[in-house]
Amino acid sequence: MTPQVTVSTNTLRSTSTPVIISDALSSAFDSTIIGQPAPDFTLPTLDGGTLTLSDLRGQPILINFWASWCEPCRVETPLLVEAYRRYESRGLVILGLNLTEEDTLEAVQAFVNEFNVPYPILLDNGPEVSHSVYDVIGLPTSVFVDRGGNVKRVVVGAIADTEIDLYIAEIVNEDE
């Protein structure tokens, strides 16, 4: 089976043609995560709480790694906000995981306010989770986790509007 790791060419455009990740790039990204349980983590949230991934088991989850200075992240965020509003009633959880070590809290809050982000924002100060646990190699990176807690797909690069519903359907429709 081909790993469900795609590299989106959608950096600053509204459409893209995703490609299956090449052998050379897959050595830089640990594609063995596909089909495996999503590595657990606990991180502080922008609103002052904490969130543990395993507490969300049973729900489809999209973990989106981003930073406020990342232009493709700025293109992708409105799509994620719209998708969250469309699929929230079906149990979708989106976690915006900010690489806070490479950002400032003020910039994170301004980004969240600018895009009216309704989903939880997690702060990876280490960046323990993004680099040490998930081996993120570029921003944005989206990890799709099914209701069973397993990683279904990883997308490196901004998700296009033509892709987002397809990828979310893979995790929302499963065992609904």
Protein backbone atom coordinates (compact mmCIF):
# COMPACT_ATOMS: atom_id res chain seq x y z
CA MET A 1 0.00 0.00 0.00
CA THR A 2 1.28 3.48 -0.86
CA PRO A 3 1.73 5.66 2.23
CA GLN A 4 -0.93 8.35 2.49
CA VAL A 5 1.62 11.11 2.77
CA THR A 6 1.12 13.87 0.26
CA VAL A 7 3.04 16.98 -0.51
CA SER A 8 0.71 19.73 -1.56
CA THR A 9 1.97 22.15 -4.16
CA ASN A 10 -0.60 24.63 -2.88
CA THR A 11 1.60 27.23 -1.28
CA LEU A 12 -0.05 30.47 -2.32
CA ARG A 13 -2.71 29.30 -4.79
CA SER A 14 -6.29 28.22 -4.24
CA THR A 15 -5.82 24.87 -6.00
CA SER A 16 -3.09 22.26 -6.14
CA THR A 17 -2.13 18.88 -7.42
CA PRO A 18 -0.94 16.73 -4.53
CA VAL A 19 1.70 14.14 -5.23
CA ILE A 20 2.62 11.01 -3.35
CA ILE A 21 5.70 11.75 -1.35
CA SER A 22 8.91 10.66 -3.07
CA ASP A 23 11.26 8.04 -1.66
CA ALA A 24 13.88 10.75 -1.08
CA LEU A 25 11.50 12.96 0.87
CA SER A 26 9.94 10.07 2.75
CA SER A 27 13.32 9.34 4.28
CA ALA A 28 13.21 12.88 5.75
CA PHE A 29 9.62 12.33 6.94
CA ASP A 30 8.82 9.29 9.02
CA SER A 31 5.99 7.88 6.90
CA THR A 32 5.88 4.85 9.19
CA ILE A 33 3.49 6.92 11.29
CA ILE A 34 0.74 6.20 8.74
CA GLY A 35 -1.55 3.47 10.07
CA GLN A 36 0.00 3.69 13.53
CA PRO A 37 -1.49 5.14 16.72
CA ALA A 38 -1.03 8.91 16.78
CA PRO A 39 1.74 9.71 19.26
CA ASP A 40 0.17 11.12 22.41
CA PHE A 41 1.05 14.50 23.85
CA THR A 42 -0.12 17.06 26.36
CA LEU A 43 0.39 20.74 25.55
CA PRO A 44 -0.73 24.08 26.96
CA THR A 45 -3.47 25.88 25.08
CA LEU A 46 -3.58 29.54 24.11
CA ASP A 47 -6.52 30.08 26.49
CA GLY A 48 -4.49 28.88 29.49
CA GLY A 49 -5.58 25.25 29.77
CA THR A 50 -3.95 22.01 28.68
CA LEU A 51 -5.03 19.41 26.16
CA THR A 52 -4.04 15.74 25.88
CA LEU A 53 -4.51 14.10 22.50
CA SER A 54 -5.55 10.71 23.91
CA ASP A 55 -8.48 12.38 25.72
CA LEU A 56 -10.03 12.89 22.26
CA ARG A 57 -9.97 9.22 21.24
CA GLY A 58 -13.13 8.25 19.42
CA GLN A 59 -13.28 11.54 17.52
CA PRO A 60 -11.78 12.29 14.10
CA ILE A 61 -8.90 14.72 14.59
CA LEU A 62 -6.95 16.98 12.28
CA ILE A 63 -3.70 18.19 13.88
CA ASN A 64 -2.45 21.23 11.97
CA PHE A 65 1.14 22.37 12.64
CA TRP A 66 1.55 26.07 11.82
CA ALA A 67 3.23 29.39 12.63
CA SER A 68 1.95 32.95 12.29
CA TRP A 69 4.78 33.97 9.93
CA CYS A 70 4.11 31.05 7.55
CA GLU A 71 2.45 32.38 4.36
CA PRO A 72 1.02 28.99 3.28
CA CYS A 73 -0.46 28.69 6.79
CA ARG A 74 -2.24 32.01 6.24
CA VAL A 75 -3.69 30.66 2.97
CA GLU A 76 -4.79 27.40 4.56
CA THR A 77 -6.31 28.68 7.82
CA PRO A 78 -9.56 30.06 6.34
CA LEU A 79 -10.16 26.63 4.75
CA LEU A 80 -9.61 24.93 8.10
CA VAL A 81 -11.97 27.34 9.85
CA GLU A 82 -14.68 26.67 7.24
CA ALA A 83 -14.11 22.90 7.42
CA TYR A 84 -14.32 22.96 11.21
CA ARG A 85 -17.66 24.74 11.07
CA ARG A 86 -18.98 22.26 8.46
CA TYR A 87 -17.84 19.10 10.24
CA GLU A 88 -17.91 20.00 13.95
CA SER A 89 -21.43 18.54 14.31
CA ARG A 90 -20.04 15.22 13.00
CA GLY A 91 -17.42 15.15 15.73
CA LEU A 92 -14.42 16.63 13.89
CA VAL A 93 -11.78 18.12 16.15
CA ILE A 94 -9.15 20.41 14.68
CA LEU A 95 -6.12 21.18 16.81
CA GLY A 96 -4.01 24.13 15.69
CA LEU A 97 -0.55 23.24 16.97
CA ASN A 98 1.58 26.38 16.89
CA LEU A 99 5.37 26.13 16.79
CA THR A 100 5.61 28.68 19.58
CA GLU A 101 9.39 28.38 19.87
CA GLU A 102 9.51 30.00 16.42
CA ASP A 103 6.69 32.47 17.14
CA THR A 104 5.53 34.90 19.84
CA LEU A 105 2.38 34.65 21.92
CA GLU A 106 1.33 38.08 20.67
CA ALA A 107 1.70 36.97 17.03
CA VAL A 108 -0.21 33.74 17.76
CA GLN A 109 -3.09 35.65 19.37
CA ALA A 110 -3.17 38.20 16.52
CA PHE A 111 -3.31 35.35 13.96
CA VAL A 112 -6.15 33.62 15.84
CA ASN A 113 -8.07 36.91 16.07
CA GLU A 114 -7.48 37.78 12.39
CA PHE A 115 -8.89 34.48 11.16
CA ASN A 116 -11.50 34.01 13.94
CA VAL A 117 -10.10 30.55 14.67
CA PRO A 118 -12.78 28.61 16.62
CA TYR A 119 -10.77 25.47 17.39
CA PRO A 120 -8.19 24.92 20.17
CA ILE A 121 -4.72 26.38 19.68
CA LEU A 122 -1.91 24.40 21.30
CA LEU A 123 1.48 25.89 22.10
CA ASP A 124 4.54 23.77 21.31
CA ASN A 125 7.28 25.68 23.10
CA GLY A 126 9.91 22.93 22.81
CA PRO A 127 9.19 22.29 19.97
CA GLU A 128 8.96 18.88 21.56
CA VAL A 129 5.82 17.62 19.81
CA SER A 130 6.34 19.07 16.33
CA HIS A 131 9.97 18.08 15.89
CA SER A 132 10.73 15.32 18.39
CA VAL A 133 7.42 13.42 18.28
CA TYR A 134 5.92 14.12 14.83
CA ASP A 135 9.11 14.95 12.88
CA VAL A 136 7.47 17.90 11.10
CA ILE A 137 9.63 18.88 8.10
CA GLY A 138 7.67 21.86 6.81
CA LEU A 139 4.77 24.16 7.53
CA PRO A 140 1.95 23.76 7.41
CA THR A 141 1.72 20.04 8.09
CA SER A 142 -1.62 18.33 8.74
CA VAL A 143 -2.00 14.95 10.42
CA PHE A 144 -5.39 13.25 10.01
CA VAL A 145 -6.25 10.86 12.85
CA ASP A 146 -9.21 8.49 12.60
CA ARG A 147 -11.71 7.68 15.35
CA GLY A 148 -9.57 4.73 16.44
CA GLY A 149 -6.64 7.04 17.15
CA ASN A 150 -4.57 5.96 14.15
CA VAL A 151 -2.87 8.29 11.69
CA LYS A 152 -4.71 8.02 8.38
CA ARG A 153 -2.93 10.68 6.30
CA VAL A 154 -0.23 13.34 6.56
CA VAL A 155 -0.16 16.37 4.26
CA VAL A 156 2.98 18.50 4.05
CA GLY A 157 2.09 21.93 2.66
CA ALA A 158 -1.16 23.87 2.52
CA ILE A 159 -4.26 21.79 1.86
CA ALA A 160 -6.22 22.98 -1.16
CA ASP A 161 -9.94 23.63 -1.11
CA THR A 162 -10.32 20.71 -3.54
CA GLU A 163 -8.61 18.33 -1.09
CA ILE A 164 -9.89 19.23 2.34
CA ASP A 165 -13.33 17.62 2.19
CA LEU A 166 -11.90 14.40 0.74
CA TYR A 167 -9.29 14.09 3.47
CA ILE A 168 -11.70 14.94 6.28
CA ALA A 169 -14.22 12.42 4.90
CA GLU A 170 -11.57 9.70 5.33
CA ILE A 171 -11.62 10.23 9.10
CA VAL A 172 -15.16 11.52 9.74
CA ASN A 173 -17.07 8.87 7.79
CA GLU A 174 -15.17 5.95 9.27
CA ASP A 175 -17.35 3.98 11.71
CA GLU A 176 -19.83 6.83 11.97
